[in-house]
Amino acid sequence: MQLTCPCCGEQFPLEAGMADDEGKRLAALFAGMEPKLGKAVLQYLRLFSPAKRSLRTTKAIRLVEDLLALVTPGNVTRDARTTDTRRATPTLWAMGIEQMLSAREKLTLPLDNHHYLRAVVYGLAGDTQAVAAAAEASRARPAGTGPLRTDDYFLKLSQINGDESKGLISPEEAEKRRRELA
């Protein structure tokens, strides 16, 4: 089976995209996401790419894990210093990413972290019209259009991935724990 890269148009076999362990790990992170969020995150990762190089898979994994740690609880704070939280669904996070992408020329690239996205989503979560639009988009999602995982699954997966990347557990132990989650 041949896939076509949406960025450059190059065709490659599906197996090539899953050849290395990091590629598999990144794909596993996307597999459990709501489709709209996953599509937005793929585009969002481009905001982290250095100007003359491509984004490394290991950095993409870390960015997606960090983002999932923000999305999974179902709420958002403006920044790490505040405790004021607002409810934020995955659809609202996708809307925040889309808003950032539409204003790409105003951003200082490459981005270093998710702080600006968190502030954007916090603002959207306080906007009743945006919340209503996100709720409508979530309801409009047809049943059975992709895997649905509980927030608990994502939290445990990101903990496993974080422990592995920090060297707290071996790659073998991390893989074993991921299999147990499935």
C-alpha atoms as a PDB file:
ATOM      1  CA  MET A   1       0.000   0.000   0.000  1.00  0.00           C
ATOM      2  CA  GLN A   2       1.397   3.384  -1.016  1.00  0.00           C
ATOM      3  CA  LEU A   3       0.796   6.570   0.966  1.00  0.00           C
ATOM      4  CA  THR A   4       1.245  10.103  -0.312  1.00  0.00           C
ATOM      5  CA  CYS A   5       2.892  12.702   1.898  1.00  0.00           C
ATOM      6  CA  PRO A   6       0.464  15.632   2.294  1.00  0.00           C
ATOM      7  CA  CYS A   7       3.403  18.068   2.520  1.00  0.00           C
ATOM      8  CA  CYS A   8       5.654  17.160  -0.409  1.00  0.00           C
ATOM      9  CA  GLY A   9       3.513  14.783  -2.482  1.00  0.00           C
ATOM     10  CA  GLU A  10       6.113  12.005  -2.361  1.00  0.00           C
ATOM     11  CA  GLN A  11       4.771   8.450  -2.315  1.00  0.00           C
ATOM     12  CA  PHE A  12       6.133   5.851   0.079  1.00  0.00           C
ATOM     13  CA  PRO A  13       5.090   2.416   1.357  1.00  0.00           C
ATOM     14  CA  LEU A  14       3.080   2.304   4.582  1.00  0.00           C
ATOM     15  CA  GLU A  15       5.710  -0.005   6.066  1.00  0.00           C
ATOM     16  CA  ALA A  16       8.393   2.692   5.638  1.00  0.00           C
ATOM     17  CA  GLY A  17       6.438   5.047   7.862  1.00  0.00           C
ATOM     18  CA  MET A  18       6.378   2.445  10.619  1.00  0.00           C
ATOM     19  CA  ALA A  19       9.903   1.084  10.203  1.00  0.00           C
ATOM     20  CA  ASP A  20      11.497   2.524  13.308  1.00  0.00           C
ATOM     21  CA  ASP A  21      10.345   2.333  16.913  1.00  0.00           C
ATOM     22  CA  GLU A  22      10.023   6.095  17.275  1.00  0.00           C
ATOM     23  CA  GLY A  23       7.703   6.241  14.261  1.00  0.00           C
ATOM     24  CA  LYS A  24       5.563   3.502  15.791  1.00  0.00           C
ATOM     25  CA  ARG A  25       5.483   5.316  19.103  1.00  0.00           C
ATOM     26  CA  LEU A  26       4.425   8.577  17.470  1.00  0.00           C
ATOM     27  CA  ALA A  27       1.742   6.776  15.461  1.00  0.00           C
ATOM     28  CA  ALA A  28       0.437   5.147  18.657  1.00  0.00           C
ATOM     29  CA  LEU A  29       0.034   8.570  20.240  1.00  0.00           C
ATOM     30  CA  PHE A  30      -2.036   9.754  17.289  1.00  0.00           C
ATOM     31  CA  ALA A  31      -4.082   6.545  17.100  1.00  0.00           C
ATOM     32  CA  GLY A  32      -5.996   7.305  20.270  1.00  0.00           C
ATOM     33  CA  MET A  33      -6.735  10.955  19.483  1.00  0.00           C
ATOM     34  CA  GLU A  34     -10.023  12.280  18.247  1.00  0.00           C
ATOM     35  CA  PRO A  35      -9.591  12.603  14.452  1.00  0.00           C
ATOM     36  CA  LYS A  36     -10.071  16.384  14.411  1.00  0.00           C
ATOM     37  CA  LEU A  37      -7.481  16.876  17.154  1.00  0.00           C
ATOM     38  CA  GLY A  38      -5.027  14.475  15.506  1.00  0.00           C
ATOM     39  CA  LYS A  39      -5.236  16.309  12.185  1.00  0.00           C
ATOM     40  CA  ALA A  40      -4.745  19.663  13.911  1.00  0.00           C
ATOM     41  CA  VAL A  41      -1.778  18.368  15.945  1.00  0.00           C
ATOM     42  CA  LEU A  42      -0.043  17.132  12.775  1.00  0.00           C
ATOM     43  CA  GLN A  43      -0.196  20.670  11.377  1.00  0.00           C
ATOM     44  CA  TYR A  44       0.660  22.209  14.765  1.00  0.00           C
ATOM     45  CA  LEU A  45       3.918  20.240  14.925  1.00  0.00           C
ATOM     46  CA  ARG A  46       5.134  22.225  11.906  1.00  0.00           C
ATOM     47  CA  LEU A  47       5.230  25.306  14.124  1.00  0.00           C
ATOM     48  CA  PHE A  48       8.053  23.636  16.081  1.00  0.00           C
ATOM     49  CA  SER A  49      10.211  22.751  13.050  1.00  0.00           C
ATOM     50  CA  PRO A  50      13.532  24.567  12.794  1.00  0.00           C
ATOM     51  CA  ALA A  51      13.819  26.734   9.675  1.00  0.00           C
ATOM     52  CA  LYS A  52      16.501  24.701   7.893  1.00  0.00           C
ATOM     53  CA  ARG A  53      15.817  21.227   9.286  1.00  0.00           C
ATOM     54  CA  SER A  54      12.925  18.917   9.807  1.00  0.00           C
ATOM     55  CA  LEU A  55      11.473  18.163  13.220  1.00  0.00           C
ATOM     56  CA  ARG A  56      13.085  15.129  14.837  1.00  0.00           C
ATOM     57  CA  THR A  57      10.760  12.284  15.681  1.00  0.00           C
ATOM     58  CA  THR A  58      11.953  12.218  19.290  1.00  0.00           C
ATOM     59  CA  LYS A  59      11.053  15.895  19.705  1.00  0.00           C
ATOM     60  CA  ALA A  60       7.682  15.327  18.012  1.00  0.00           C
ATOM     61  CA  ILE A  61       6.970  12.488  20.462  1.00  0.00           C
ATOM     62  CA  ARG A  62       7.845  14.708  23.432  1.00  0.00           C
ATOM     63  CA  LEU A  63       5.689  17.547  22.096  1.00  0.00           C
ATOM     64  CA  VAL A  64       2.688  15.280  21.510  1.00  0.00           C
ATOM     65  CA  GLU A  65       3.070  13.651  24.939  1.00  0.00           C
ATOM     66  CA  ASP A  66       3.241  17.085  26.571  1.00  0.00           C
ATOM     67  CA  LEU A  67       0.209  18.226  24.610  1.00  0.00           C
ATOM     68  CA  LEU A  68      -1.765  15.112  25.573  1.00  0.00           C
ATOM     69  CA  ALA A  69      -0.903  15.804  29.210  1.00  0.00           C
ATOM     70  CA  LEU A  70      -2.579  19.210  28.761  1.00  0.00           C
ATOM     71  CA  VAL A  71      -5.605  17.907  26.817  1.00  0.00           C
ATOM     72  CA  THR A  72      -6.331  14.771  28.856  1.00  0.00           C
ATOM     73  CA  PRO A  73      -7.582  16.352  32.120  1.00  0.00           C
ATOM     74  CA  GLY A  74     -10.401  18.069  30.218  1.00  0.00           C
ATOM     75  CA  ASN A  75      -9.613  21.529  31.545  1.00  0.00           C
ATOM     76  CA  VAL A  76      -7.079  24.285  30.941  1.00  0.00           C
ATOM     77  CA  THR A  77      -5.324  26.967  32.975  1.00  0.00           C
ATOM     78  CA  ARG A  78      -3.987  30.149  31.412  1.00  0.00           C
ATOM     79  CA  ASP A  79      -0.473  29.309  32.586  1.00  0.00           C
ATOM     80  CA  ALA A  80       1.320  27.189  35.159  1.00  0.00           C
ATOM     81  CA  ARG A  81       1.198  29.959  37.774  1.00  0.00           C
ATOM     82  CA  THR A  82      -2.587  30.212  37.980  1.00  0.00           C
ATOM     83  CA  THR A  83      -5.149  27.845  39.412  1.00  0.00           C
ATOM     84  CA  ASP A  84      -8.179  29.217  37.572  1.00  0.00           C
ATOM     85  CA  THR A  85      -9.326  26.394  35.285  1.00  0.00           C
ATOM     86  CA  ARG A  86     -11.860  26.217  32.490  1.00  0.00           C
ATOM     87  CA  ARG A  87     -13.356  23.144  30.834  1.00  0.00           C
ATOM     88  CA  ALA A  88     -11.595  22.362  27.542  1.00  0.00           C
ATOM     89  CA  THR A  89     -12.609  19.452  25.312  1.00  0.00           C
ATOM     90  CA  PRO A  90     -10.301  17.974  22.656  1.00  0.00           C
ATOM     91  CA  THR A  91     -12.415  19.801  20.053  1.00  0.00           C
ATOM     92  CA  LEU A  92     -11.705  23.101  21.796  1.00  0.00           C
ATOM     93  CA  TRP A  93      -7.969  22.308  21.726  1.00  0.00           C
ATOM     94  CA  ALA A  94      -8.247  21.586  18.003  1.00  0.00           C
ATOM     95  CA  MET A  95      -9.981  24.945  17.532  1.00  0.00           C
ATOM     96  CA  GLY A  96      -7.150  26.635  19.424  1.00  0.00           C
ATOM     97  CA  ILE A  97      -4.564  24.982  17.187  1.00  0.00           C
ATOM     98  CA  GLU A  98      -6.500  26.020  14.076  1.00  0.00           C
ATOM     99  CA  GLN A  99      -6.618  29.592  15.372  1.00  0.00           C
ATOM    100  CA  MET A 100      -2.840  29.577  15.853  1.00  0.00           C
ATOM    101  CA  LEU A 101      -2.269  28.122  12.398  1.00  0.00           C
ATOM    102  CA  SER A 102      -4.395  30.818  10.794  1.00  0.00           C
ATOM    103  CA  ALA A 103      -2.238  33.482  12.513  1.00  0.00           C
ATOM    104  CA  ARG A 104       1.062  31.715  11.787  1.00  0.00           C
ATOM    105  CA  GLU A 105       2.706  34.806  10.291  1.00  0.00           C
ATOM    106  CA  LYS A 106       2.268  36.649  13.616  1.00  0.00           C
ATOM    107  CA  LEU A 107       4.022  33.920  15.628  1.00  0.00           C
ATOM    108  CA  THR A 108       7.730  33.777  16.436  1.00  0.00           C
ATOM    109  CA  LEU A 109       8.793  30.446  14.986  1.00  0.00           C
ATOM    110  CA  PRO A 110       9.865  27.847  15.802  1.00  0.00           C
ATOM    111  CA  LEU A 111       7.783  27.545  18.952  1.00  0.00           C
ATOM    112  CA  ASP A 112       9.513  26.190  22.061  1.00  0.00           C
ATOM    113  CA  ASN A 113       6.525  25.005  24.088  1.00  0.00           C
ATOM    114  CA  HIS A 114       2.728  24.898  24.352  1.00  0.00           C
ATOM    115  CA  HIS A 115       2.329  28.025  26.522  1.00  0.00           C
ATOM    116  CA  TYR A 116       0.779  30.177  23.792  1.00  0.00           C
ATOM    117  CA  LEU A 117      -1.619  27.393  22.778  1.00  0.00           C
ATOM    118  CA  ARG A 118      -2.681  27.001  26.386  1.00  0.00           C
ATOM    119  CA  ALA A 119      -3.452  30.742  26.568  1.00  0.00           C
ATOM    120  CA  VAL A 120      -5.425  30.570  23.292  1.00  0.00           C
ATOM    121  CA  VAL A 121      -7.471  27.574  24.483  1.00  0.00           C
ATOM    122  CA  TYR A 122      -8.057  29.265  27.847  1.00  0.00           C
ATOM    123  CA  GLY A 123      -9.466  32.270  25.984  1.00  0.00           C
ATOM    124  CA  LEU A 124     -11.652  30.048  23.811  1.00  0.00           C
ATOM    125  CA  ALA A 125     -12.893  28.172  26.872  1.00  0.00           C
ATOM    126  CA  GLY A 126     -14.134  31.486  28.280  1.00  0.00           C
ATOM    127  CA  ASP A 127     -15.922  32.361  25.031  1.00  0.00           C
ATOM    128  CA  THR A 128     -19.449  30.917  25.158  1.00  0.00           C
ATOM    129  CA  GLN A 129     -19.782  30.939  21.361  1.00  0.00           C
ATOM    130  CA  ALA A 130     -16.550  28.954  20.927  1.00  0.00           C
ATOM    131  CA  VAL A 131     -17.604  26.468  23.600  1.00  0.00           C
ATOM    132  CA  ALA A 132     -20.983  26.024  21.892  1.00  0.00           C
ATOM    133  CA  ALA A 133     -19.280  25.502  18.510  1.00  0.00           C
ATOM    134  CA  ALA A 134     -16.920  22.920  20.032  1.00  0.00           C
ATOM    135  CA  ALA A 135     -19.828  21.092  21.662  1.00  0.00           C
ATOM    136  CA  GLU A 136     -21.724  21.044  18.371  1.00  0.00           C
ATOM    137  CA  ALA A 137     -18.667  19.723  16.521  1.00  0.00           C
ATOM    138  CA  SER A 138     -18.255  16.963  19.128  1.00  0.00           C
ATOM    139  CA  ARG A 139     -21.910  15.937  18.787  1.00  0.00           C
ATOM    140  CA  ALA A 140     -21.659  15.978  14.991  1.00  0.00           C
ATOM    141  CA  ARG A 141     -18.858  13.381  15.058  1.00  0.00           C
ATOM    142  CA  PRO A 142     -20.358  10.143  13.760  1.00  0.00           C
ATOM    143  CA  ALA A 143     -20.170   7.094  15.984  1.00  0.00           C
ATOM    144  CA  GLY A 144     -17.500   4.570  15.124  1.00  0.00           C
ATOM    145  CA  THR A 145     -15.199   6.980  13.249  1.00  0.00           C
ATOM    146  CA  GLY A 146     -12.044   6.020  15.059  1.00  0.00           C
ATOM    147  CA  PRO A 147     -10.850   4.652  18.322  1.00  0.00           C
ATOM    148  CA  LEU A 148     -12.191   6.251  21.440  1.00  0.00           C
ATOM    149  CA  ARG A 149     -10.093   6.006  24.542  1.00  0.00           C
ATOM    150  CA  THR A 150     -10.827   7.232  28.004  1.00  0.00           C
ATOM    151  CA  ASP A 151      -8.910  10.096  29.547  1.00  0.00           C
ATOM    152  CA  ASP A 152      -7.473   7.555  31.980  1.00  0.00           C
ATOM    153  CA  TYR A 153      -5.868   5.677  29.071  1.00  0.00           C
ATOM    154  CA  PHE A 154      -4.141   8.819  27.784  1.00  0.00           C
ATOM    155  CA  LEU A 155      -2.972   9.789  31.241  1.00  0.00           C
ATOM    156  CA  LYS A 156      -1.439   6.362  31.848  1.00  0.00           C
ATOM    157  CA  LEU A 157       0.116   6.291  28.364  1.00  0.00           C
ATOM    158  CA  SER A 158       1.703   9.703  28.792  1.00  0.00           C
ATOM    159  CA  GLN A 159       3.015   8.683  32.238  1.00  0.00           C
ATOM    160  CA  ILE A 160       4.614   5.565  30.755  1.00  0.00           C
ATOM    161  CA  ASN A 161       6.143   7.539  27.881  1.00  0.00           C
ATOM    162  CA  GLY A 162       7.379  10.243  30.241  1.00  0.00           C
ATOM    163  CA  ASP A 163       8.931   7.708  32.619  1.00  0.00           C
ATOM    164  CA  GLU A 164      10.682   6.038  29.698  1.00  0.00           C
ATOM    165  CA  SER A 165      12.017   9.304  28.239  1.00  0.00           C
ATOM    166  CA  LYS A 166      13.353  10.330  31.672  1.00  0.00           C
ATOM    167  CA  GLY A 167      15.076   6.962  32.062  1.00  0.00           C
ATOM    168  CA  LEU A 168      12.966   5.934  35.055  1.00  0.00           C
ATOM    169  CA  ILE A 169      11.959   2.707  33.315  1.00  0.00           C
ATOM    170  CA  SER A 170      13.631   0.702  30.559  1.00  0.00           C
ATOM    171  CA  PRO A 171      12.266   0.678  26.998  1.00  0.00           C
ATOM    172  CA  GLU A 172      11.315  -2.978  27.506  1.00  0.00           C
ATOM    173  CA  GLU A 173       9.358  -2.186  30.663  1.00  0.00           C
ATOM    174  CA  ALA A 174       7.654   0.745  28.912  1.00  0.00           C
ATOM    175  CA  GLU A 175       6.634  -1.476  25.991  1.00  0.00           C
ATOM    176  CA  LYS A 176       5.295  -4.092  28.407  1.00  0.00           C
ATOM    177  CA  ARG A 177       3.194  -1.462  30.202  1.00  0.00           C
ATOM    178  CA  ARG A 178       1.852  -0.112  26.880  1.00  0.00           C
ATOM    179  CA  ARG A 179       0.776  -3.628  25.877  1.00  0.00           C
ATOM    180  CA  GLU A 180      -0.993  -4.056  29.211  1.00  0.00           C
ATOM    181  CA  LEU A 181      -2.959  -0.849  28.550  1.00  0.00           C
ATOM    182  CA  ALA A 182      -4.308  -2.080  25.226  1.00  0.00           C
END
